[in-house]
Amino acid sequence: MHSAEVRVVRHATGESFLARAEPWLLLDEAENNLILGLARQIALYISAHGVPYLATVEQDGAIIGCAFRTPPWKLIMTRMPERAVVALVEDVATQYDVLPAALAPVETAREFGVRWSNLRGARQCFLHTDLANTTSNSIYTQIGYEPIADAIDIHFAV
């Protein structure tokens, strides 16, 4: 049983986020490389787009998860226990009415998606995938996603 309060700590700068979170993120650098790389780019982002969402989820002074969002993009999360997801959903909801998507290890993403959907009254969750990636598509069908339609993403050179 975890009696200590789980709290979300927001960081105003990439530097303050990394000062607190980087040692913890480096414990599993391969899994956390996206957040590590993006946090290092925050100073450039802030000048162009405003303040991002940078958070550590902590219990008893120890980090148990991290989350990151540079609006208008998706929320990116590390692996974290369910109690951390609960606190994170509540905090993210104070900042955003709508999220376009969330990216995390499967267990965390699933837990966040269910809790966010319940909180915001969402009836469905959609996932866009690359049909050429048979491995990920196999995993998605195993966890309950059903193929609905094919689409193509076209980029135009200007």
Protein backbone atom coordinates (compact mmCIF):
# COMPACT_ATOMS: atom_id res chain seq x y z
CA MET A 1 0.00 0.00 0.00
CA HIS A 2 1.24 3.47 -0.88
CA SER A 3 0.15 5.91 1.79
CA ALA A 4 2.23 8.89 0.70
CA GLU A 5 0.57 11.42 -1.57
CA VAL A 6 1.41 11.28 -5.26
CA ARG A 7 1.89 14.76 -6.67
CA VAL A 8 2.61 16.25 -10.06
CA VAL A 9 5.37 18.86 -10.15
CA ARG A 10 5.31 21.18 -13.18
CA HIS A 11 8.53 22.71 -14.47
CA ALA A 12 8.65 26.07 -16.26
CA THR A 13 11.78 25.37 -18.29
CA GLY A 14 13.48 22.47 -20.01
CA GLU A 15 16.49 23.13 -17.83
CA SER A 16 14.57 22.81 -14.55
CA PHE A 17 12.77 19.70 -15.84
CA LEU A 18 16.06 18.04 -16.80
CA ALA A 19 17.77 19.09 -13.56
CA ARG A 20 15.11 17.15 -11.68
CA ALA A 21 14.21 14.35 -14.11
CA GLU A 22 17.32 13.53 -16.14
CA PRO A 23 19.00 11.20 -13.61
CA TRP A 24 15.75 9.22 -13.32
CA LEU A 25 15.16 9.21 -17.09
CA LEU A 26 18.70 7.96 -17.69
CA LEU A 27 17.99 4.88 -15.56
CA ASP A 28 16.19 3.59 -18.67
CA GLU A 29 17.67 5.82 -21.37
CA ALA A 30 16.57 3.64 -24.27
CA GLU A 31 12.90 3.78 -23.27
CA ASN A 32 13.01 7.46 -22.28
CA ASN A 33 15.10 8.83 -25.16
CA LEU A 34 12.22 10.77 -26.75
CA ILE A 35 11.53 12.82 -23.62
CA LEU A 36 15.25 13.31 -23.02
CA GLY A 37 15.82 14.59 -26.53
CA LEU A 38 12.78 16.86 -26.61
CA ALA A 39 13.42 18.39 -23.20
CA ARG A 40 16.82 19.53 -24.46
CA GLN A 41 15.08 21.45 -27.27
CA ILE A 42 12.65 23.33 -25.01
CA ALA A 43 14.50 26.65 -24.94
CA LEU A 44 14.01 26.97 -28.70
CA TYR A 45 10.39 25.90 -28.49
CA ILE A 46 9.45 28.37 -25.76
CA SER A 47 10.60 31.33 -27.79
CA ALA A 48 8.48 30.21 -30.77
CA HIS A 49 5.35 28.66 -29.20
CA GLY A 50 4.98 29.45 -25.50
CA VAL A 51 5.43 27.32 -22.42
CA PRO A 52 5.18 23.53 -22.81
CA TYR A 53 3.83 21.10 -20.22
CA LEU A 54 6.76 19.50 -18.39
CA ALA A 55 6.00 17.42 -15.32
CA THR A 56 7.52 14.95 -12.96
CA VAL A 57 5.18 12.72 -10.97
CA GLU A 58 6.61 12.19 -7.52
CA GLN A 59 5.96 10.25 -4.33
CA ASP A 60 8.01 10.60 -1.14
CA GLY A 61 10.41 12.88 -3.05
CA ALA A 62 11.16 10.19 -5.65
CA ILE A 63 10.18 10.43 -9.30
CA ILE A 64 7.78 7.71 -10.41
CA GLY A 65 6.98 9.11 -13.87
CA CYS A 66 7.39 12.03 -16.27
CA ALA A 67 5.19 13.71 -18.86
CA PHE A 68 5.82 16.24 -21.60
CA ARG A 69 3.69 18.16 -24.10
CA THR A 70 4.48 20.89 -26.58
CA PRO A 71 1.07 22.14 -27.73
CA PRO A 72 -0.51 21.49 -30.14
CA TRP A 73 1.15 18.06 -30.15
CA LYS A 74 0.42 14.92 -28.14
CA LEU A 75 1.20 14.25 -24.49
CA ILE A 76 4.27 12.03 -24.10
CA MET A 77 4.68 9.97 -20.93
CA THR A 78 7.17 7.56 -19.44
CA ARG A 79 6.18 4.27 -17.88
CA MET A 80 4.54 4.96 -14.53
CA PRO A 81 2.39 3.16 -11.97
CA GLU A 82 -1.39 3.53 -11.98
CA ARG A 83 -1.35 5.88 -8.97
CA ALA A 84 0.89 8.25 -10.96
CA VAL A 85 -1.44 8.13 -13.97
CA VAL A 86 -4.37 9.08 -11.74
CA ALA A 87 -2.54 12.19 -10.49
CA LEU A 88 -1.29 13.04 -13.98
CA VAL A 89 -4.75 12.86 -15.58
CA GLU A 90 -6.09 15.22 -12.92
CA ASP A 91 -3.24 17.69 -13.46
CA VAL A 92 -3.33 17.57 -17.26
CA ALA A 93 -7.09 18.21 -17.11
CA THR A 94 -6.40 21.51 -15.31
CA GLN A 95 -4.27 22.59 -18.28
CA TYR A 96 -6.10 21.23 -21.32
CA ASP A 97 -9.71 20.58 -22.23
CA VAL A 98 -8.67 18.46 -25.21
CA LEU A 99 -5.64 16.32 -26.04
CA PRO A 100 -5.06 15.20 -29.61
CA ALA A 101 -3.23 12.04 -28.52
CA ALA A 102 -1.01 10.46 -25.89
CA LEU A 103 2.17 8.43 -26.34
CA ALA A 104 3.55 6.11 -23.65
CA PRO A 105 4.48 2.49 -23.01
CA VAL A 106 1.37 0.36 -23.59
CA GLU A 107 0.27 -0.09 -19.95
CA THR A 108 0.63 3.61 -19.15
CA ALA A 109 -1.00 4.73 -22.40
CA ARG A 110 -3.94 2.38 -21.87
CA GLU A 111 -4.47 3.53 -18.27
CA PHE A 112 -4.17 7.20 -19.21
CA GLY A 113 -6.50 6.77 -22.19
CA VAL A 114 -9.21 5.10 -20.14
CA ARG A 115 -9.02 7.63 -17.32
CA TRP A 116 -8.84 10.64 -19.68
CA SER A 117 -11.78 9.33 -21.72
CA ASN A 118 -13.84 8.76 -18.57
CA LEU A 119 -13.00 12.22 -17.24
CA ARG A 120 -13.76 13.99 -20.51
CA GLY A 121 -16.70 11.83 -21.55
CA ALA A 122 -15.05 10.41 -24.66
CA ARG A 123 -16.86 7.45 -26.17
CA GLN A 124 -14.12 6.25 -28.49
CA CYS A 125 -10.36 6.23 -28.90
CA PHE A 126 -8.78 6.22 -32.35
CA LEU A 127 -5.32 5.09 -33.41
CA HIS A 128 -3.65 5.80 -36.76
CA THR A 129 -0.99 3.27 -37.72
CA ASP A 130 1.32 2.38 -40.57
CA LEU A 131 -0.07 -0.71 -42.30
CA ALA A 132 3.46 -1.67 -43.33
CA ASN A 133 4.37 -2.21 -39.67
CA THR A 134 2.86 -5.64 -39.09
CA THR A 135 4.43 -5.98 -35.63
CA SER A 136 2.77 -2.90 -34.13
CA ASN A 137 -0.52 -3.63 -35.89
CA SER A 138 -0.52 -7.13 -34.42
CA ILE A 139 -0.04 -5.68 -30.94
CA TYR A 140 -2.80 -3.13 -31.45
CA THR A 141 -5.32 -5.80 -32.47
CA GLN A 142 -4.29 -7.92 -29.47
CA ILE A 143 -5.14 -5.07 -27.08
CA GLY A 144 -8.52 -4.44 -28.66
CA TYR A 145 -8.16 -2.00 -31.56
CA GLU A 146 -10.17 -2.84 -34.67
CA PRO A 147 -9.20 -1.74 -38.19
CA ILE A 148 -11.78 0.72 -39.54
CA ALA A 149 -10.36 2.37 -42.69
CA ASP A 150 -7.19 2.99 -44.67
CA ALA A 151 -5.87 6.52 -45.25
CA ILE A 152 -2.89 8.15 -46.92
CA ASP A 153 -0.84 11.10 -45.68
CA ILE A 154 0.28 13.37 -48.53
CA HIS A 155 2.87 16.10 -48.01
CA PHE A 156 3.18 18.96 -50.49
CA ALA A 157 6.42 20.74 -51.28
CA VAL A 158 6.03 24.51 -51.27
